[in-house]
Amino acid sequence: MLFQNTIDTTNYMIAGYTIFFSVITIYVSSLIIRWKKAVVELATLEDLEN
């Protein structure tokens, strides 16, 4: 047989999922921080307008 043994790539899968979820968490955190800053800036601009 040509392919008798299957290569164990479990560690690569775990590393890939860890990196993926870390990047997604950082991205979502960044969006939340930017959203809060934009809300504060909008409120400041509306106060200045009046």
N, C-alpha and C. Protein backbone atom coordinates (compact mmCIF):
# COMPACT_ATOMS: atom_id res chain seq x y z
N MET A 1 0.83 -1.19 0.00
CA MET A 1 0.00 0.00 0.00
C MET A 1 0.88 1.25 0.00
N LEU A 2 0.40 2.26 -0.65
CA LEU A 2 1.16 3.51 -0.74
C LEU A 2 1.00 4.36 0.51
N PHE A 3 -0.22 4.49 1.03
CA PHE A 3 -0.48 5.31 2.20
C PHE A 3 -0.93 4.40 3.36
N GLN A 4 0.00 3.97 4.18
CA GLN A 4 -0.34 3.09 5.28
C GLN A 4 -0.58 3.87 6.58
N ASN A 5 0.17 4.95 6.80
CA ASN A 5 0.05 5.70 8.04
C ASN A 5 -0.48 7.10 7.76
N THR A 6 -1.32 7.55 8.64
CA THR A 6 -1.85 8.91 8.53
C THR A 6 -0.99 9.84 9.37
N ILE A 7 -0.64 10.98 8.82
CA ILE A 7 0.19 11.94 9.54
C ILE A 7 -0.65 12.63 10.61
N ASP A 8 -0.10 12.75 11.81
CA ASP A 8 -0.80 13.39 12.92
C ASP A 8 -0.58 14.90 12.85
N THR A 9 -1.63 15.64 12.54
CA THR A 9 -1.53 17.09 12.43
C THR A 9 -2.41 17.80 13.46
N THR A 10 -2.69 17.12 14.57
CA THR A 10 -3.55 17.69 15.60
C THR A 10 -2.97 18.97 16.17
N ASN A 11 -1.66 18.99 16.41
CA ASN A 11 -1.03 20.19 16.97
C ASN A 11 -1.15 21.39 16.04
N TYR A 12 -1.04 21.15 14.74
CA TYR A 12 -1.19 22.24 13.78
C TYR A 12 -2.63 22.76 13.75
N MET A 13 -3.59 21.85 13.89
CA MET A 13 -4.99 22.25 13.92
C MET A 13 -5.26 23.11 15.16
N ILE A 14 -4.78 22.68 16.30
CA ILE A 14 -4.99 23.44 17.53
C ILE A 14 -4.31 24.81 17.44
N ALA A 15 -3.10 24.85 16.90
CA ALA A 15 -2.40 26.12 16.73
C ALA A 15 -3.16 27.04 15.78
N GLY A 16 -3.68 26.48 14.70
CA GLY A 16 -4.43 27.28 13.74
C GLY A 16 -5.69 27.86 14.34
N TYR A 17 -6.45 27.05 15.07
CA TYR A 17 -7.66 27.55 15.72
C TYR A 17 -7.33 28.60 16.78
N THR A 18 -6.25 28.39 17.53
CA THR A 18 -5.85 29.35 18.56
C THR A 18 -5.51 30.70 17.93
N ILE A 19 -4.74 30.68 16.86
CA ILE A 19 -4.37 31.93 16.18
C ILE A 19 -5.61 32.58 15.58
N PHE A 20 -6.47 31.81 14.96
CA PHE A 20 -7.68 32.35 14.34
C PHE A 20 -8.55 33.05 15.37
N PHE A 21 -8.85 32.37 16.48
CA PHE A 21 -9.72 32.97 17.49
C PHE A 21 -9.05 34.14 18.20
N SER A 22 -7.73 34.12 18.33
CA SER A 22 -7.02 35.26 18.91
C SER A 22 -7.15 36.50 18.03
N VAL A 23 -6.96 36.30 16.73
CA VAL A 23 -7.07 37.43 15.79
C VAL A 23 -8.49 37.97 15.77
N ILE A 24 -9.49 37.09 15.76
CA ILE A 24 -10.88 37.52 15.76
C ILE A 24 -11.20 38.29 17.04
N THR A 25 -10.70 37.82 18.18
CA THR A 25 -10.95 38.50 19.45
C THR A 25 -10.32 39.89 19.46
N ILE A 26 -9.10 40.00 18.97
CA ILE A 26 -8.43 41.31 18.90
C ILE A 26 -9.19 42.24 17.96
N TYR A 27 -9.65 41.73 16.83
CA TYR A 27 -10.38 42.54 15.86
C TYR A 27 -11.70 43.06 16.43
N VAL A 28 -12.45 42.18 17.07
CA VAL A 28 -13.74 42.58 17.66
C VAL A 28 -13.50 43.58 18.79
N SER A 29 -12.47 43.36 19.60
CA SER A 29 -12.15 44.31 20.66
C SER A 29 -11.81 45.68 20.09
N SER A 30 -11.07 45.68 19.01
CA SER A 30 -10.71 46.94 18.35
C SER A 30 -11.96 47.65 17.83
N LEU A 31 -12.89 46.90 17.24
CA LEU A 31 -14.13 47.51 16.76
C LEU A 31 -14.94 48.11 17.90
N ILE A 32 -15.00 47.42 19.03
CA ILE A 32 -15.76 47.92 20.18
C ILE A 32 -15.13 49.20 20.70
N ILE A 33 -13.81 49.23 20.82
CA ILE A 33 -13.11 50.42 21.32
C ILE A 33 -13.33 51.59 20.37
N ARG A 34 -13.20 51.34 19.07
CA ARG A 34 -13.41 52.43 18.10
C ARG A 34 -14.85 52.92 18.11
N TRP A 35 -15.82 52.01 18.29
CA TRP A 35 -17.23 52.39 18.35
C TRP A 35 -17.48 53.31 19.54
N LYS A 36 -16.93 52.97 20.71
CA LYS A 36 -17.12 53.79 21.91
C LYS A 36 -16.50 55.17 21.73
N LYS A 37 -15.33 55.24 21.11
CA LYS A 37 -14.69 56.53 20.86
C LYS A 37 -15.52 57.36 19.88
N ALA A 38 -16.09 56.71 18.87
CA ALA A 38 -16.90 57.43 17.88
C ALA A 38 -18.17 57.98 18.52
N VAL A 39 -18.77 57.23 19.44
CA VAL A 39 -19.98 57.70 20.12
C VAL A 39 -19.65 58.93 20.96
N VAL A 40 -18.52 58.89 21.68
CA VAL A 40 -18.12 60.04 22.50
C VAL A 40 -17.84 61.25 21.61
N GLU A 41 -17.15 61.03 20.50
CA GLU A 41 -16.84 62.14 19.60
C GLU A 41 -18.12 62.71 18.98
N LEU A 42 -19.07 61.87 18.63
CA LEU A 42 -20.34 62.35 18.08
C LEU A 42 -21.09 63.19 19.10
N ALA A 43 -21.09 62.74 20.35
CA ALA A 43 -21.77 63.52 21.40
C ALA A 43 -21.08 64.86 21.59
N THR A 44 -19.77 64.90 21.53
CA THR A 44 -19.02 66.16 21.66
C THR A 44 -19.35 67.09 20.50
N LEU A 45 -19.41 66.58 19.30
CA LEU A 45 -19.70 67.41 18.13
C LEU A 45 -21.15 67.93 18.19
N GLU A 46 -22.07 67.10 18.68
CA GLU A 46 -23.44 67.57 18.80
C GLU A 46 -23.56 68.66 19.87
N ASP A 47 -22.80 68.56 20.95
CA ASP A 47 -22.80 69.60 21.97
C ASP A 47 -22.22 70.90 21.44
N LEU A 48 -21.20 70.81 20.61
CA LEU A 48 -20.59 72.01 20.04
C LEU A 48 -21.52 72.68 19.03
N GLU A 49 -22.34 71.90 18.37
CA GLU A 49 -23.24 72.42 17.35
C GLU A 49 -24.34 73.27 17.99
N ASN A 50 -24.76 72.91 19.17
CA ASN A 50 -25.87 73.62 19.84
C ASN A 50 -25.41 74.81 20.60
